[in-house]
Amino acid sequence: MSKKTTAKRVAWQKKQEEHGKNIVKWIFGGLIVLAIVYLFWAVSMMS
């Protein structure tokens, strides 16, 4: 494999890894927000 192709592949893998980490952060953030909304809903139902 040529050096140019290898360099492109390494750059692409790094970009994909960063994108994946960003997606995971958004998913966990969304889950936390949903948990907080559910908490407020559950407390309001009890009172």
PDB file of N, CA and C in Angstrom:
ATOM      1  N   MET A   1       0.841  -1.176   0.000  1.00  0.00           N
ATOM      2  CA  MET A   1       0.000   0.000   0.000  1.00  0.00           C
ATOM      3  C   MET A   1       0.891   1.245   0.000  1.00  0.00           C
ATOM      4  N   SER A   2       0.487   2.229  -0.739  1.00  0.00           N
ATOM      5  CA  SER A   2       1.302   3.427  -0.832  1.00  0.00           C
ATOM      6  C   SER A   2       1.189   4.254   0.444  1.00  0.00           C
ATOM      7  N   LYS A   3       2.148   5.117   0.625  1.00  0.00           N
ATOM      8  CA  LYS A   3       2.164   5.970   1.824  1.00  0.00           C
ATOM      9  C   LYS A   3       0.997   6.944   1.821  1.00  0.00           C
ATOM     10  N   LYS A   4       0.626   7.411   0.619  1.00  0.00           N
ATOM     11  CA  LYS A   4      -0.490   8.353   0.518  1.00  0.00           C
ATOM     12  C   LYS A   4      -1.797   7.702   0.980  1.00  0.00           C
ATOM     13  N   THR A   5      -2.024   6.472   0.544  1.00  0.00           N
ATOM     14  CA  THR A   5      -3.231   5.750   0.931  1.00  0.00           C
ATOM     15  C   THR A   5      -3.236   5.478   2.431  1.00  0.00           C
ATOM     16  N   THR A   6      -2.084   5.104   2.969  1.00  0.00           N
ATOM     17  CA  THR A   6      -1.977   4.838   4.399  1.00  0.00           C
ATOM     18  C   THR A   6      -2.245   6.106   5.201  1.00  0.00           C
ATOM     19  N   ALA A   7      -1.728   7.228   4.751  1.00  0.00           N
ATOM     20  CA  ALA A   7      -1.943   8.493   5.455  1.00  0.00           C
ATOM     21  C   ALA A   7      -3.421   8.882   5.430  1.00  0.00           C
ATOM     22  N   LYS A   8      -4.065   8.675   4.280  1.00  0.00           N
ATOM     23  CA  LYS A   8      -5.493   8.974   4.176  1.00  0.00           C
ATOM     24  C   LYS A   8      -6.304   8.084   5.114  1.00  0.00           C
ATOM     25  N   ARG A   9      -5.942   6.822   5.177  1.00  0.00           N
ATOM     26  CA  ARG A   9      -6.667   5.887   6.036  1.00  0.00           C
ATOM     27  C   ARG A   9      -6.507   6.260   7.503  1.00  0.00           C
ATOM     28  N   VAL A  10      -5.311   6.623   7.915  1.00  0.00           N
ATOM     29  CA  VAL A  10      -5.067   7.020   9.308  1.00  0.00           C
ATOM     30  C   VAL A  10      -5.853   8.288   9.634  1.00  0.00           C
ATOM     31  N   ALA A  11      -5.863   9.262   8.734  1.00  0.00           N
ATOM     32  CA  ALA A  11      -6.615  10.495   8.959  1.00  0.00           C
ATOM     33  C   ALA A  11      -8.110  10.207   9.045  1.00  0.00           C
ATOM     34  N   TRP A  12      -8.601   9.316   8.191  1.00  0.00           N
ATOM     35  CA  TRP A  12     -10.017   8.969   8.199  1.00  0.00           C
ATOM     36  C   TRP A  12     -10.399   8.269   9.496  1.00  0.00           C
ATOM     37  N   GLN A  13      -9.535   7.353   9.967  1.00  0.00           N
ATOM     38  CA  GLN A  13      -9.815   6.653  11.218  1.00  0.00           C
ATOM     39  C   GLN A  13      -9.852   7.622  12.396  1.00  0.00           C
ATOM     40  N   LYS A  14      -8.955   8.593  12.401  1.00  0.00           N
ATOM     41  CA  LYS A  14      -8.938   9.581  13.477  1.00  0.00           C
ATOM     42  C   LYS A  14     -10.216  10.419  13.444  1.00  0.00           C
ATOM     43  N   LYS A  15     -10.627  10.829  12.240  1.00  0.00           N
ATOM     44  CA  LYS A  15     -11.853  11.618  12.095  1.00  0.00           C
ATOM     45  C   LYS A  15     -13.062  10.813  12.560  1.00  0.00           C
ATOM     46  N   GLN A  16     -13.136   9.539  12.189  1.00  0.00           N
ATOM     47  CA  GLN A  16     -14.240   8.687  12.589  1.00  0.00           C
ATOM     48  C   GLN A  16     -14.276   8.504  14.108  1.00  0.00           C
ATOM     49  N   GLU A  17     -13.113   8.353  14.715  1.00  0.00           N
ATOM     50  CA  GLU A  17     -13.042   8.175  16.166  1.00  0.00           C
ATOM     51  C   GLU A  17     -13.564   9.419  16.886  1.00  0.00           C
ATOM     52  N   GLU A  18     -13.155  10.594  16.430  1.00  0.00           N
ATOM     53  CA  GLU A  18     -13.617  11.835  17.046  1.00  0.00           C
ATOM     54  C   GLU A  18     -15.130  11.996  16.859  1.00  0.00           C
ATOM     55  N   HIS A  19     -15.618  11.666  15.689  1.00  0.00           N
ATOM     56  CA  HIS A  19     -17.058  11.762  15.413  1.00  0.00           C
ATOM     57  C   HIS A  19     -17.831  10.793  16.312  1.00  0.00           C
ATOM     58  N   GLY A  20     -17.310   9.594  16.480  1.00  0.00           N
ATOM     59  CA  GLY A  20     -17.950   8.601  17.336  1.00  0.00           C
ATOM     60  C   GLY A  20     -18.017   9.056  18.783  1.00  0.00           C
ATOM     61  N   LYS A  21     -16.946   9.651  19.270  1.00  0.00           N
ATOM     62  CA  LYS A  21     -16.936  10.149  20.646  1.00  0.00           C
ATOM     63  C   LYS A  21     -17.965  11.264  20.819  1.00  0.00           C
ATOM     64  N   ASN A  22     -18.098  12.112  19.806  1.00  0.00           N
ATOM     65  CA  ASN A  22     -19.072  13.198  19.854  1.00  0.00           C
ATOM     66  C   ASN A  22     -20.496  12.638  19.910  1.00  0.00           C
ATOM     67  N   ILE A  23     -20.763  11.616  19.118  1.00  0.00           N
ATOM     68  CA  ILE A  23     -22.083  10.982  19.108  1.00  0.00           C
ATOM     69  C   ILE A  23     -22.394  10.385  20.476  1.00  0.00           C
ATOM     70  N   VAL A  24     -21.417   9.707  21.079  1.00  0.00           N
ATOM     71  CA  VAL A  24     -21.619   9.095  22.388  1.00  0.00           C
ATOM     72  C   VAL A  24     -21.930  10.166  23.433  1.00  0.00           C
ATOM     73  N   LYS A  25     -21.232  11.294  23.375  1.00  0.00           N
ATOM     74  CA  LYS A  25     -21.501  12.390  24.318  1.00  0.00           C
ATOM     75  C   LYS A  25     -22.926  12.903  24.165  1.00  0.00           C
ATOM     76  N   TRP A  26     -23.393  13.066  22.933  1.00  0.00           N
ATOM     77  CA  TRP A  26     -24.762  13.544  22.697  1.00  0.00           C
ATOM     78  C   TRP A  26     -25.793  12.542  23.198  1.00  0.00           C
ATOM     79  N   ILE A  27     -25.529  11.249  22.997  1.00  0.00           N
ATOM     80  CA  ILE A  27     -26.468  10.224  23.455  1.00  0.00           C
ATOM     81  C   ILE A  27     -26.569  10.243  24.977  1.00  0.00           C
ATOM     82  N   PHE A  28     -25.427  10.273  25.668  1.00  0.00           N
ATOM     83  CA  PHE A  28     -25.457  10.299  27.125  1.00  0.00           C
ATOM     84  C   PHE A  28     -26.090  11.587  27.641  1.00  0.00           C
ATOM     85  N   GLY A  29     -25.819  12.696  26.986  1.00  0.00           N
ATOM     86  CA  GLY A  29     -26.441  13.958  27.374  1.00  0.00           C
ATOM     87  C   GLY A  29     -27.955  13.887  27.245  1.00  0.00           C
ATOM     88  N   GLY A  30     -28.432  13.317  26.151  1.00  0.00           N
ATOM     89  CA  GLY A  30     -29.865  13.160  25.949  1.00  0.00           C
ATOM     90  C   GLY A  30     -30.494  12.255  26.992  1.00  0.00           C
ATOM     91  N   LEU A  31     -29.810  11.178  27.342  1.00  0.00           N
ATOM     92  CA  LEU A  31     -30.325  10.270  28.367  1.00  0.00           C
ATOM     93  C   LEU A  31     -30.404  10.955  29.727  1.00  0.00           C
ATOM     94  N   ILE A  32     -29.419  11.770  30.045  1.00  0.00           N
ATOM     95  CA  ILE A  32     -29.435  12.498  31.317  1.00  0.00           C
ATOM     96  C   ILE A  32     -30.601  13.480  31.347  1.00  0.00           C
ATOM     97  N   VAL A  33     -30.811  14.191  30.243  1.00  0.00           N
ATOM     98  CA  VAL A  33     -31.935  15.141  30.172  1.00  0.00           C
ATOM     99  C   VAL A  33     -33.262  14.397  30.336  1.00  0.00           C
ATOM    100  N   LEU A  34     -33.414  13.270  29.665  1.00  0.00           N
ATOM    101  CA  LEU A  34     -34.644  12.485  29.792  1.00  0.00           C
ATOM    102  C   LEU A  34     -34.839  11.987  31.219  1.00  0.00           C
ATOM    103  N   ALA A  35     -33.755  11.599  31.883  1.00  0.00           N
ATOM    104  CA  ALA A  35     -33.859  11.141  33.269  1.00  0.00           C
ATOM    105  C   ALA A  35     -34.324  12.274  34.178  1.00  0.00           C
ATOM    106  N   ILE A  36     -33.821  13.472  33.951  1.00  0.00           N
ATOM    107  CA  ILE A  36     -34.231  14.622  34.765  1.00  0.00           C
ATOM    108  C   ILE A  36     -35.699  14.951  34.524  1.00  0.00           C
ATOM    109  N   VAL A  37     -36.128  14.917  33.267  1.00  0.00           N
ATOM    110  CA  VAL A  37     -37.536  15.182  32.946  1.00  0.00           C
ATOM    111  C   VAL A  37     -38.428  14.127  33.609  1.00  0.00           C
ATOM    112  N   TYR A  38     -38.022  12.879  33.533  1.00  0.00           N
ATOM    113  CA  TYR A  38     -38.794  11.808  34.161  1.00  0.00           C
ATOM    114  C   TYR A  38     -38.848  11.992  35.673  1.00  0.00           C
ATOM    115  N   LEU A  39     -37.752  12.408  36.272  1.00  0.00           N
ATOM    116  CA  LEU A  39     -37.709  12.644  37.711  1.00  0.00           C
ATOM    117  C   LEU A  39     -38.727  13.713  38.106  1.00  0.00           C
ATOM    118  N   PHE A  40     -38.739  14.832  37.385  1.00  0.00           N
ATOM    119  CA  PHE A  40     -39.706  15.890  37.677  1.00  0.00           C
ATOM    120  C   PHE A  40     -41.147  15.401  37.463  1.00  0.00           C
ATOM    121  N   TRP A  41     -41.370  14.624  36.426  1.00  0.00           N
ATOM    122  CA  TRP A  41     -42.699  14.088  36.157  1.00  0.00           C
ATOM    123  C   TRP A  41     -43.146  13.162  37.291  1.00  0.00           C
ATOM    124  N   ALA A  42     -42.250  12.280  37.729  1.00  0.00           N
ATOM    125  CA  ALA A  42     -42.591  11.331  38.793  1.00  0.00           C
ATOM    126  C   ALA A  42     -42.882  12.062  40.099  1.00  0.00           C
ATOM    127  N   VAL A  43     -42.093  13.085  40.416  1.00  0.00           N
ATOM    128  CA  VAL A  43     -42.312  13.844  41.645  1.00  0.00           C
ATOM    129  C   VAL A  43     -43.638  14.598  41.570  1.00  0.00           C
ATOM    130  N   SER A  44     -43.952  15.152  40.400  1.00  0.00           N
ATOM    131  CA  SER A  44     -45.205  15.901  40.273  1.00  0.00           C
ATOM    132  C   SER A  44     -46.421  14.976  40.361  1.00  0.00           C
ATOM    133  N   MET A  45     -46.276  13.737  39.961  1.00  0.00           N
ATOM    134  CA  MET A  45     -47.392  12.787  40.057  1.00  0.00           C
ATOM    135  C   MET A  45     -47.643  12.372  41.501  1.00  0.00           C
ATOM    136  N   MET A  46     -46.609  12.358  42.314  1.00  0.00           N
ATOM    137  CA  MET A  46     -46.754  11.928  43.707  1.00  0.00           C
ATOM    138  C   MET A  46     -47.389  13.005  44.575  1.00  0.00           C
ATOM    139  N   SER A  47     -47.246  14.245  44.197  1.00  0.00           N
ATOM    140  CA  SER A  47     -47.772  15.313  45.050  1.00  0.00           C
ATOM    141  C   SER A  47     -49.148  15.786  44.637  1.00  0.00           C
TER     142      SER A  47
END
